[in-house]
Amino acid sequence: MTRFLSRRKIALLLFLLLLPAICFFSLKRSTAAENVDSVNGPKIIVLNYHKIDNMNISLSVTPSDFEQQMAYLVQNGFHTITPHELYMAFTDGATLPTNPVLITFDDGYADNYTKAYPILKKYGVKATIFVITGLMGKPGYLTWGQAAEMEASGLVTIESHTVTHGSLTGLTDEQVRYELTEAKHDIEQRLGKEVEFLAYPTGAYNLHIARLVKEAGYKGAFTVRYGNMDRATNLYAIERVPIFHTSDTFASFLERLKFVPLFSHIGWVKN
């Protein structure tokens, strides 16, 4: 047993010594288009934001940092997609653009319109905002008019984050169905569109909740599990990569954008 443990320690030490070289070559070569699995297809990163402002908290990426990130995506050949485009690619074999990336925002904060939306328009970047319908129009949150304007632009897709943002795993089935169906119906009626996707409030879900989401008419749901997406992903448990404000936000953004496919491939994420 001692000999076995020693071998494992040696193997781990060798891997850690080689990791900088692996990451260096990953940085030199890594794009979403190159991360393709012969069985499960392309590895697609879904970025997850919340607020775009200057509050200096982890969930608030500054407007300047956000613009730097969007400029990087455009200048380095990434193409933003919608949840529907992602769904069609993995269910019907529809073709995605090269280097696809999906940008999402949770909660529907007002700064998504006042700060993020002008940057999205400047760079022609698509994004999806999961709104809490019960908070629409409240101080600090989007209005329905703002949501309608962004949806009409063709750049922003408005989807569901339930009515109250309550953790679905702590609710009764009846309460869960209300949260799912009422939010879906409200967005559809106010914006004249079909709501197809959900982001789980607080990221909490289980197989039973996922089944209720499907029964409510959603085609997929997004978690806060860290990882990228491919054909092996459960459409009702789609992984995302959170983007936070840090001491060096852009460096953190690059690390997450480029290293997640590498770590997922060697089993650090999905396994």
C-alpha atoms as a PDB file:
ATOM      1  CA  MET A   1       0.000   0.000   0.000  1.00  0.00           C
ATOM      2  CA  THR A   2       2.816   2.416   0.925  1.00  0.00           C
ATOM      3  CA  ARG A   3       4.566   1.707  -2.381  1.00  0.00           C
ATOM      4  CA  PHE A   4       1.304   2.290  -4.264  1.00  0.00           C
ATOM      5  CA  LEU A   5       0.730   5.626  -2.518  1.00  0.00           C
ATOM      6  CA  SER A   6       4.298   6.665  -3.276  1.00  0.00           C
ATOM      7  CA  ARG A   7       3.785   5.948  -6.962  1.00  0.00           C
ATOM      8  CA  ARG A   8       0.612   8.021  -6.948  1.00  0.00           C
ATOM      9  CA  LYS A   9       2.446  10.908  -5.285  1.00  0.00           C
ATOM     10  CA  ILE A  10       5.243  10.674  -7.852  1.00  0.00           C
ATOM     11  CA  ALA A  11       2.723  10.635 -10.702  1.00  0.00           C
ATOM     12  CA  LEU A  12       0.937  13.659  -9.244  1.00  0.00           C
ATOM     13  CA  LEU A  13       4.212  15.516  -8.795  1.00  0.00           C
ATOM     14  CA  LEU A  14       5.205  14.823 -12.402  1.00  0.00           C
ATOM     15  CA  PHE A  15       1.849  16.073 -13.630  1.00  0.00           C
ATOM     16  CA  LEU A  16       2.120  19.279 -11.597  1.00  0.00           C
ATOM     17  CA  LEU A  17       5.629  19.841 -12.964  1.00  0.00           C
ATOM     18  CA  LEU A  18       4.357  19.384 -16.516  1.00  0.00           C
ATOM     19  CA  LEU A  19       1.201  21.464 -16.026  1.00  0.00           C
ATOM     20  CA  PRO A  20       2.826  24.857 -16.828  1.00  0.00           C
ATOM     21  CA  ALA A  21       4.073  23.463 -20.144  1.00  0.00           C
ATOM     22  CA  ILE A  22       0.651  21.995 -20.908  1.00  0.00           C
ATOM     23  CA  CYS A  23      -1.017  25.309 -20.150  1.00  0.00           C
ATOM     24  CA  PHE A  24       1.561  27.232 -22.212  1.00  0.00           C
ATOM     25  CA  PHE A  25       0.935  25.144 -25.301  1.00  0.00           C
ATOM     26  CA  SER A  26      -2.793  25.313 -24.639  1.00  0.00           C
ATOM     27  CA  LEU A  27      -2.587  29.113 -24.640  1.00  0.00           C
ATOM     28  CA  LYS A  28      -0.690  29.044 -27.913  1.00  0.00           C
ATOM     29  CA  ARG A  29      -3.101  26.659 -29.622  1.00  0.00           C
ATOM     30  CA  SER A  30      -6.394  26.827 -27.802  1.00  0.00           C
ATOM     31  CA  THR A  31      -9.512  28.016 -29.570  1.00  0.00           C
ATOM     32  CA  ALA A  32     -13.017  26.626 -29.292  1.00  0.00           C
ATOM     33  CA  ALA A  33     -12.777  25.220 -32.797  1.00  0.00           C
ATOM     34  CA  GLU A  34      -9.748  23.083 -31.899  1.00  0.00           C
ATOM     35  CA  ASN A  35     -11.460  21.517 -28.894  1.00  0.00           C
ATOM     36  CA  VAL A  36     -13.340  18.813 -30.738  1.00  0.00           C
ATOM     37  CA  ASP A  37     -14.010  15.304 -29.458  1.00  0.00           C
ATOM     38  CA  SER A  38     -14.339  12.656 -32.168  1.00  0.00           C
ATOM     39  CA  VAL A  39     -17.272  11.132 -30.271  1.00  0.00           C
ATOM     40  CA  ASN A  40     -18.976  14.045 -28.525  1.00  0.00           C
ATOM     41  CA  GLY A  41     -18.239  16.823 -30.997  1.00  0.00           C
ATOM     42  CA  PRO A  42     -17.121  20.398 -30.300  1.00  0.00           C
ATOM     43  CA  LYS A  43     -16.538  21.692 -26.787  1.00  0.00           C
ATOM     44  CA  ILE A  44     -18.617  24.816 -26.355  1.00  0.00           C
ATOM     45  CA  ILE A  45     -18.045  27.242 -23.500  1.00  0.00           C
ATOM     46  CA  VAL A  46     -21.070  28.979 -21.998  1.00  0.00           C
ATOM     47  CA  LEU A  47     -19.953  32.111 -20.146  1.00  0.00           C
ATOM     48  CA  ASN A  48     -22.023  33.221 -17.161  1.00  0.00           C
ATOM     49  CA  TYR A  49     -22.250  36.843 -15.987  1.00  0.00           C
ATOM     50  CA  HIS A  50     -24.498  38.640 -13.528  1.00  0.00           C
ATOM     51  CA  LYS A  51     -23.891  42.368 -13.136  1.00  0.00           C
ATOM     52  CA  ILE A  52     -21.909  44.819 -15.272  1.00  0.00           C
ATOM     53  CA  ASP A  53     -21.098  47.789 -13.051  1.00  0.00           C
ATOM     54  CA  ASN A  54     -18.449  49.274 -10.771  1.00  0.00           C
ATOM     55  CA  MET A  55     -19.599  47.843  -7.431  1.00  0.00           C
ATOM     56  CA  ASN A  56     -16.259  46.059  -6.878  1.00  0.00           C
ATOM     57  CA  ILE A  57     -17.831  42.757  -5.813  1.00  0.00           C
ATOM     58  CA  SER A  58     -17.249  39.338  -7.339  1.00  0.00           C
ATOM     59  CA  LEU A  59     -20.537  39.224  -9.268  1.00  0.00           C
ATOM     60  CA  SER A  60     -19.963  42.688 -10.780  1.00  0.00           C
ATOM     61  CA  VAL A  61     -17.662  42.806 -13.782  1.00  0.00           C
ATOM     62  CA  THR A  62     -16.758  46.405 -14.589  1.00  0.00           C
ATOM     63  CA  PRO A  63     -17.930  47.833 -17.923  1.00  0.00           C
ATOM     64  CA  SER A  64     -14.329  48.358 -19.028  1.00  0.00           C
ATOM     65  CA  ASP A  65     -13.429  44.747 -18.210  1.00  0.00           C
ATOM     66  CA  PHE A  66     -16.539  43.483 -19.962  1.00  0.00           C
ATOM     67  CA  GLU A  67     -15.716  45.500 -23.082  1.00  0.00           C
ATOM     68  CA  GLN A  68     -12.149  44.174 -23.072  1.00  0.00           C
ATOM     69  CA  GLN A  69     -13.517  40.625 -22.905  1.00  0.00           C
ATOM     70  CA  MET A  70     -16.018  41.147 -25.725  1.00  0.00           C
ATOM     71  CA  ALA A  71     -13.354  42.794 -27.887  1.00  0.00           C
ATOM     72  CA  TYR A  72     -11.071  39.818 -27.268  1.00  0.00           C
ATOM     73  CA  LEU A  73     -13.746  37.360 -28.405  1.00  0.00           C
ATOM     74  CA  VAL A  74     -14.409  39.279 -31.610  1.00  0.00           C
ATOM     75  CA  GLN A  75     -10.756  39.954 -32.417  1.00  0.00           C
ATOM     76  CA  ASN A  76      -9.794  36.320 -31.861  1.00  0.00           C
ATOM     77  CA  GLY A  77     -12.384  34.777 -34.143  1.00  0.00           C
ATOM     78  CA  PHE A  78     -15.010  33.668 -31.620  1.00  0.00           C
ATOM     79  CA  HIS A  79     -18.640  33.757 -32.722  1.00  0.00           C
ATOM     80  CA  THR A  80     -21.441  34.161 -30.219  1.00  0.00           C
ATOM     81  CA  ILE A  81     -24.514  31.956 -30.506  1.00  0.00           C
ATOM     82  CA  THR A  82     -27.971  31.677 -28.948  1.00  0.00           C
ATOM     83  CA  PRO A  83     -29.309  28.825 -26.802  1.00  0.00           C
ATOM     84  CA  HIS A  84     -31.575  27.831 -29.692  1.00  0.00           C
ATOM     85  CA  GLU A  85     -28.623  27.575 -32.073  1.00  0.00           C
ATOM     86  CA  LEU A  86     -26.781  25.457 -29.532  1.00  0.00           C
ATOM     87  CA  TYR A  87     -29.841  23.229 -29.075  1.00  0.00           C
ATOM     88  CA  MET A  88     -30.299  22.707 -32.818  1.00  0.00           C
ATOM     89  CA  ALA A  89     -26.643  21.820 -33.229  1.00  0.00           C
ATOM     90  CA  PHE A  90     -26.804  19.084 -30.612  1.00  0.00           C
ATOM     91  CA  THR A  91     -30.242  17.712 -31.480  1.00  0.00           C
ATOM     92  CA  ASP A  92     -30.573  18.184 -35.254  1.00  0.00           C
ATOM     93  CA  GLY A  93     -26.948  18.462 -36.318  1.00  0.00           C
ATOM     94  CA  ALA A  94     -27.257  22.108 -37.373  1.00  0.00           C
ATOM     95  CA  THR A  95     -23.964  23.769 -38.235  1.00  0.00           C
ATOM     96  CA  LEU A  96     -22.470  26.168 -35.731  1.00  0.00           C
ATOM     97  CA  PRO A  97     -20.088  28.979 -36.664  1.00  0.00           C
ATOM     98  CA  THR A  98     -16.417  28.462 -35.999  1.00  0.00           C
ATOM     99  CA  ASN A  99     -15.288  29.090 -32.425  1.00  0.00           C
ATOM    100  CA  PRO A 100     -18.798  29.222 -30.929  1.00  0.00           C
ATOM    101  CA  VAL A 101     -19.346  30.708 -27.477  1.00  0.00           C
ATOM    102  CA  LEU A 102     -22.601  31.372 -25.622  1.00  0.00           C
ATOM    103  CA  ILE A 103     -22.808  34.427 -23.335  1.00  0.00           C
ATOM    104  CA  THR A 104     -25.395  34.396 -20.556  1.00  0.00           C
ATOM    105  CA  PHE A 105     -26.510  36.773 -17.798  1.00  0.00           C
ATOM    106  CA  ASP A 106     -28.483  35.692 -14.738  1.00  0.00           C
ATOM    107  CA  ASP A 107     -31.166  37.651 -12.831  1.00  0.00           C
ATOM    108  CA  GLY A 108     -31.910  40.470 -15.290  1.00  0.00           C
ATOM    109  CA  TYR A 109     -30.236  43.444 -13.612  1.00  0.00           C
ATOM    110  CA  ALA A 110     -30.835  46.932 -15.016  1.00  0.00           C
ATOM    111  CA  ASP A 111     -27.140  47.299 -15.827  1.00  0.00           C
ATOM    112  CA  ASN A 112     -27.495  44.502 -18.374  1.00  0.00           C
ATOM    113  CA  TYR A 113     -29.349  47.150 -20.422  1.00  0.00           C
ATOM    114  CA  THR A 114     -27.549  50.340 -19.390  1.00  0.00           C
ATOM    115  CA  LYS A 115     -23.981  48.979 -19.336  1.00  0.00           C
ATOM    116  CA  ALA A 116     -23.749  45.618 -21.130  1.00  0.00           C
ATOM    117  CA  TYR A 117     -26.190  46.172 -23.997  1.00  0.00           C
ATOM    118  CA  PRO A 118     -24.312  49.149 -25.552  1.00  0.00           C
ATOM    119  CA  ILE A 119     -21.144  47.019 -25.568  1.00  0.00           C
ATOM    120  CA  LEU A 120     -22.963  44.061 -27.105  1.00  0.00           C
ATOM    121  CA  LYS A 121     -24.238  46.368 -29.862  1.00  0.00           C
ATOM    122  CA  LYS A 122     -20.803  47.924 -30.403  1.00  0.00           C
ATOM    123  CA  TYR A 123     -19.221  44.545 -31.095  1.00  0.00           C
ATOM    124  CA  GLY A 124     -22.235  42.770 -32.594  1.00  0.00           C
ATOM    125  CA  VAL A 125     -22.160  40.174 -29.824  1.00  0.00           C
ATOM    126  CA  LYS A 126     -25.147  37.984 -28.979  1.00  0.00           C
ATOM    127  CA  ALA A 127     -26.150  37.294 -25.378  1.00  0.00           C
ATOM    128  CA  THR A 128     -28.929  35.636 -23.395  1.00  0.00           C
ATOM    129  CA  ILE A 129     -30.465  37.148 -20.261  1.00  0.00           C
ATOM    130  CA  PHE A 130     -32.321  34.894 -17.822  1.00  0.00           C
ATOM    131  CA  VAL A 131     -34.814  37.164 -16.052  1.00  0.00           C
ATOM    132  CA  ILE A 132     -36.659  36.804 -12.744  1.00  0.00           C
ATOM    133  CA  THR A 133     -40.126  37.800 -13.897  1.00  0.00           C
ATOM    134  CA  GLY A 134     -41.374  38.770 -10.427  1.00  0.00           C
ATOM    135  CA  LEU A 135     -38.605  41.390 -10.172  1.00  0.00           C
ATOM    136  CA  MET A 136     -39.014  42.941 -13.612  1.00  0.00           C
ATOM    137  CA  GLY A 137     -39.561  46.681 -13.260  1.00  0.00           C
ATOM    138  CA  LYS A 138     -38.379  46.732  -9.650  1.00  0.00           C
ATOM    139  CA  PRO A 139     -35.487  49.033  -8.676  1.00  0.00           C
ATOM    140  CA  GLY A 140     -32.207  47.638  -9.983  1.00  0.00           C
ATOM    141  CA  TYR A 141     -33.838  45.273 -12.475  1.00  0.00           C
ATOM    142  CA  LEU A 142     -34.798  45.434 -16.139  1.00  0.00           C
ATOM    143  CA  THR A 143     -38.130  46.812 -17.236  1.00  0.00           C
ATOM    144  CA  TRP A 144     -40.267  44.941 -19.732  1.00  0.00           C
ATOM    145  CA  GLY A 145     -39.708  47.799 -22.184  1.00  0.00           C
ATOM    146  CA  GLN A 146     -35.938  47.371 -21.960  1.00  0.00           C
ATOM    147  CA  ALA A 147     -36.279  43.615 -22.356  1.00  0.00           C
ATOM    148  CA  ALA A 148     -38.504  44.080 -25.418  1.00  0.00           C
ATOM    149  CA  GLU A 149     -36.026  46.498 -27.014  1.00  0.00           C
ATOM    150  CA  MET A 150     -33.109  44.135 -26.529  1.00  0.00           C
ATOM    151  CA  GLU A 151     -35.077  41.116 -27.759  1.00  0.00           C
ATOM    152  CA  ALA A 152     -36.124  43.046 -30.886  1.00  0.00           C
ATOM    153  CA  SER A 153     -32.494  43.888 -31.661  1.00  0.00           C
ATOM    154  CA  GLY A 154     -31.726  40.280 -32.548  1.00  0.00           C
ATOM    155  CA  LEU A 155     -28.663  40.371 -30.305  1.00  0.00           C
ATOM    156  CA  VAL A 156     -30.296  39.548 -26.974  1.00  0.00           C
ATOM    157  CA  THR A 157     -32.493  36.587 -26.116  1.00  0.00           C
ATOM    158  CA  ILE A 158     -34.675  36.817 -23.013  1.00  0.00           C
ATOM    159  CA  GLU A 159     -35.245  33.506 -21.213  1.00  0.00           C
ATOM    160  CA  SER A 160     -36.553  32.310 -17.847  1.00  0.00           C
ATOM    161  CA  HIS A 161     -34.987  32.432 -14.380  1.00  0.00           C
ATOM    162  CA  THR A 162     -38.375  31.657 -12.737  1.00  0.00           C
ATOM    163  CA  VAL A 163     -40.760  34.043 -10.968  1.00  0.00           C
ATOM    164  CA  THR A 164     -39.157  34.530  -7.556  1.00  0.00           C
ATOM    165  CA  HIS A 165     -35.664  32.990  -7.846  1.00  0.00           C
ATOM    166  CA  GLY A 166     -36.474  30.496  -5.112  1.00  0.00           C
ATOM    167  CA  SER A 167     -34.315  27.362  -5.014  1.00  0.00           C
ATOM    168  CA  LEU A 168     -36.414  24.785  -6.862  1.00  0.00           C
ATOM    169  CA  THR A 169     -35.130  21.868  -4.792  1.00  0.00           C
ATOM    170  CA  GLY A 170     -36.703  23.417  -1.686  1.00  0.00           C
ATOM    171  CA  LEU A 171     -40.179  23.784  -3.193  1.00  0.00           C
ATOM    172  CA  THR A 172     -43.121  21.446  -3.592  1.00  0.00           C
ATOM    173  CA  ASP A 173     -43.877  20.112  -7.064  1.00  0.00           C
ATOM    174  CA  GLU A 174     -46.841  22.448  -7.286  1.00  0.00           C
ATOM    175  CA  GLN A 175     -44.674  25.438  -6.410  1.00  0.00           C
ATOM    176  CA  VAL A 176     -42.007  24.368  -8.902  1.00  0.00           C
ATOM    177  CA  ARG A 177     -44.585  24.069 -11.683  1.00  0.00           C
ATOM    178  CA  TYR A 178     -45.856  27.553 -10.866  1.00  0.00           C
ATOM    179  CA  GLU A 179     -42.352  29.035 -10.969  1.00  0.00           C
ATOM    180  CA  LEU A 180     -41.640  27.386 -14.306  1.00  0.00           C
ATOM    181  CA  THR A 181     -44.922  27.864 -16.147  1.00  0.00           C
ATOM    182  CA  GLU A 182     -45.801  31.342 -14.860  1.00  0.00           C
ATOM    183  CA  ALA A 183     -42.416  32.803 -15.760  1.00  0.00           C
ATOM    184  CA  LYS A 184     -42.498  31.165 -19.186  1.00  0.00           C
ATOM    185  CA  HIS A 185     -46.037  32.401 -19.870  1.00  0.00           C
ATOM    186  CA  ASP A 186     -45.300  35.939 -18.645  1.00  0.00           C
ATOM    187  CA  ILE A 187     -42.264  36.397 -20.885  1.00  0.00           C
ATOM    188  CA  GLU A 188     -44.064  34.914 -23.883  1.00  0.00           C
ATOM    189  CA  GLN A 189     -47.082  37.177 -23.439  1.00  0.00           C
ATOM    190  CA  ARG A 190     -45.111  40.358 -22.862  1.00  0.00           C
ATOM    191  CA  LEU A 191     -42.428  39.835 -25.509  1.00  0.00           C
ATOM    192  CA  GLY A 192     -44.359  37.811 -28.097  1.00  0.00           C
ATOM    193  CA  LYS A 193     -41.776  35.040 -28.282  1.00  0.00           C
ATOM    194  CA  GLU A 194     -41.380  31.402 -27.306  1.00  0.00           C
ATOM    195  CA  VAL A 195     -39.435  30.789 -24.115  1.00  0.00           C
ATOM    196  CA  GLU A 196     -37.342  27.641 -24.523  1.00  0.00           C
ATOM    197  CA  PHE A 197     -34.666  27.733 -21.828  1.00  0.00           C
ATOM    198  CA  LEU A 198     -34.254  28.104 -18.087  1.00  0.00           C
ATOM    199  CA  ALA A 199     -31.389  28.937 -15.752  1.00  0.00           C
ATOM    200  CA  TYR A 200     -31.847  27.189 -12.407  1.00  0.00           C
ATOM    201  CA  PRO A 201     -32.110  29.729  -9.550  1.00  0.00           C
ATOM    202  CA  THR A 202     -29.038  29.389  -7.314  1.00  0.00           C
ATOM    203  CA  GLY A 203     -28.035  26.540  -9.639  1.00  0.00           C
ATOM    204  CA  ALA A 204     -29.964  24.018  -7.532  1.00  0.00           C
ATOM    205  CA  TYR A 205     -31.547  21.108  -9.374  1.00  0.00           C
ATOM    206  CA  ASN A 206     -31.852  17.327  -9.429  1.00  0.00           C
ATOM    207  CA  LEU A 207     -33.206  14.734 -11.854  1.00  0.00           C
ATOM    208  CA  HIS A 208     -36.755  15.188 -10.592  1.00  0.00           C
ATOM    209  CA  ILE A 209     -36.589  18.963 -11.046  1.00  0.00           C
ATOM    210  CA  ALA A 210     -35.095  18.484 -14.517  1.00  0.00           C
ATOM    211  CA  ARG A 211     -38.052  16.286 -15.451  1.00  0.00           C
ATOM    212  CA  LEU A 212     -40.505  18.962 -14.265  1.00  0.00           C
ATOM    213  CA  VAL A 213     -38.615  21.543 -16.339  1.00  0.00           C
ATOM    214  CA  LYS A 214     -38.989  19.363 -19.407  1.00  0.00           C
ATOM    215  CA  GLU A 215     -42.683  18.781 -18.694  1.00  0.00           C
ATOM    216  CA  ALA A 216     -43.178  22.563 -18.453  1.00  0.00           C
ATOM    217  CA  GLY A 217     -42.095  22.896 -22.084  1.00  0.00           C
ATOM    218  CA  TYR A 218     -38.489  23.965 -21.774  1.00  0.00           C
ATOM    219  CA  LYS A 219     -35.951  22.515 -24.222  1.00  0.00           C
ATOM    220  CA  GLY A 220     -32.997  22.856 -21.875  1.00  0.00           C
ATOM    221  CA  ALA A 221     -31.736  24.309 -18.615  1.00  0.00           C
ATOM    222  CA  PHE A 222     -28.466  25.856 -17.467  1.00  0.00           C
ATOM    223  CA  THR A 223     -26.687  25.124 -14.213  1.00  0.00           C
ATOM    224  CA  VAL A 224     -23.787  26.779 -12.428  1.00  0.00           C
ATOM    225  CA  ARG A 225     -21.711  23.615 -12.664  1.00  0.00           C
ATOM    226  CA  TYR A 226     -18.244  24.528 -13.899  1.00  0.00           C
ATOM    227  CA  GLY A 227     -17.432  23.062 -17.295  1.00  0.00           C
ATOM    228  CA  ASN A 228     -17.977  23.191 -21.027  1.00  0.00           C
ATOM    229  CA  MET A 229     -20.677  21.588 -23.140  1.00  0.00           C
ATOM    230  CA  ASP A 230     -20.620  18.849 -25.762  1.00  0.00           C
ATOM    231  CA  ARG A 231     -22.954  16.112 -26.991  1.00  0.00           C
ATOM    232  CA  ALA A 232     -22.407  14.183 -23.758  1.00  0.00           C
ATOM    233  CA  THR A 233     -24.050  17.006 -21.816  1.00  0.00           C
ATOM    234  CA  ASN A 234     -27.564  16.558 -20.451  1.00  0.00           C
ATOM    235  CA  LEU A 235     -29.573  19.385 -22.032  1.00  0.00           C
ATOM    236  CA  TYR A 236     -31.281  19.925 -18.678  1.00  0.00           C
ATOM    237  CA  ALA A 237     -27.948  20.251 -16.880  1.00  0.00           C
ATOM    238  CA  ILE A 238     -25.841  22.456 -19.156  1.00  0.00           C
ATOM    239  CA  GLU A 239     -22.528  23.516 -17.631  1.00  0.00           C
ATOM    240  CA  ARG A 240     -21.326  27.105 -17.607  1.00  0.00           C
ATOM    241  CA  VAL A 241     -18.142  29.012 -16.852  1.00  0.00           C
ATOM    242  CA  PRO A 242     -18.690  31.869 -14.361  1.00  0.00           C
ATOM    243  CA  ILE A 243     -16.894  35.150 -14.984  1.00  0.00           C
ATOM    244  CA  PHE A 244     -16.169  37.142 -11.838  1.00  0.00           C
ATOM    245  CA  HIS A 245     -14.514  40.413 -10.891  1.00  0.00           C
ATOM    246  CA  THR A 246     -11.050  39.571  -9.548  1.00  0.00           C
ATOM    247  CA  SER A 247      -7.760  41.326  -8.863  1.00  0.00           C
ATOM    248  CA  ASP A 248      -6.956  40.707 -12.545  1.00  0.00           C
ATOM    249  CA  THR A 249     -10.300  40.092 -14.203  1.00  0.00           C
ATOM    250  CA  PHE A 250      -9.018  39.823 -17.758  1.00  0.00           C
ATOM    251  CA  ALA A 251      -6.352  37.274 -16.852  1.00  0.00           C
ATOM    252  CA  SER A 252      -9.001  35.237 -15.015  1.00  0.00           C
ATOM    253  CA  PHE A 253     -11.255  35.481 -18.071  1.00  0.00           C
ATOM    254  CA  LEU A 254      -8.505  34.148 -20.347  1.00  0.00           C
ATOM    255  CA  GLU A 255      -7.705  31.298 -17.987  1.00  0.00           C
ATOM    256  CA  ARG A 256     -11.325  30.193 -17.847  1.00  0.00           C
ATOM    257  CA  LEU A 257     -11.860  30.622 -21.566  1.00  0.00           C
ATOM    258  CA  LYS A 258      -8.795  28.627 -22.558  1.00  0.00           C
ATOM    259  CA  PHE A 259      -8.149  26.138 -19.789  1.00  0.00           C
ATOM    260  CA  VAL A 260     -11.652  24.754 -19.180  1.00  0.00           C
ATOM    261  CA  PRO A 261     -11.588  22.602 -22.359  1.00  0.00           C
ATOM    262  CA  LEU A 262      -8.152  21.296 -21.352  1.00  0.00           C
ATOM    263  CA  PHE A 263      -9.148  20.446 -17.780  1.00  0.00           C
ATOM    264  CA  SER A 264     -12.427  18.919 -18.951  1.00  0.00           C
ATOM    265  CA  HIS A 265     -10.542  16.737 -21.426  1.00  0.00           C
ATOM    266  CA  ILE A 266      -8.258  15.314 -18.723  1.00  0.00           C
ATOM    267  CA  GLY A 267     -11.185  14.696 -16.381  1.00  0.00           C
ATOM    268  CA  TRP A 268     -10.940  17.573 -13.922  1.00  0.00           C
ATOM    269  CA  VAL A 269     -14.437  18.866 -14.633  1.00  0.00           C
ATOM    270  CA  LYS A 270     -16.947  16.369 -15.949  1.00  0.00           C
ATOM    271  CA  ASN A 271     -15.609  13.306 -14.196  1.00  0.00           C
END
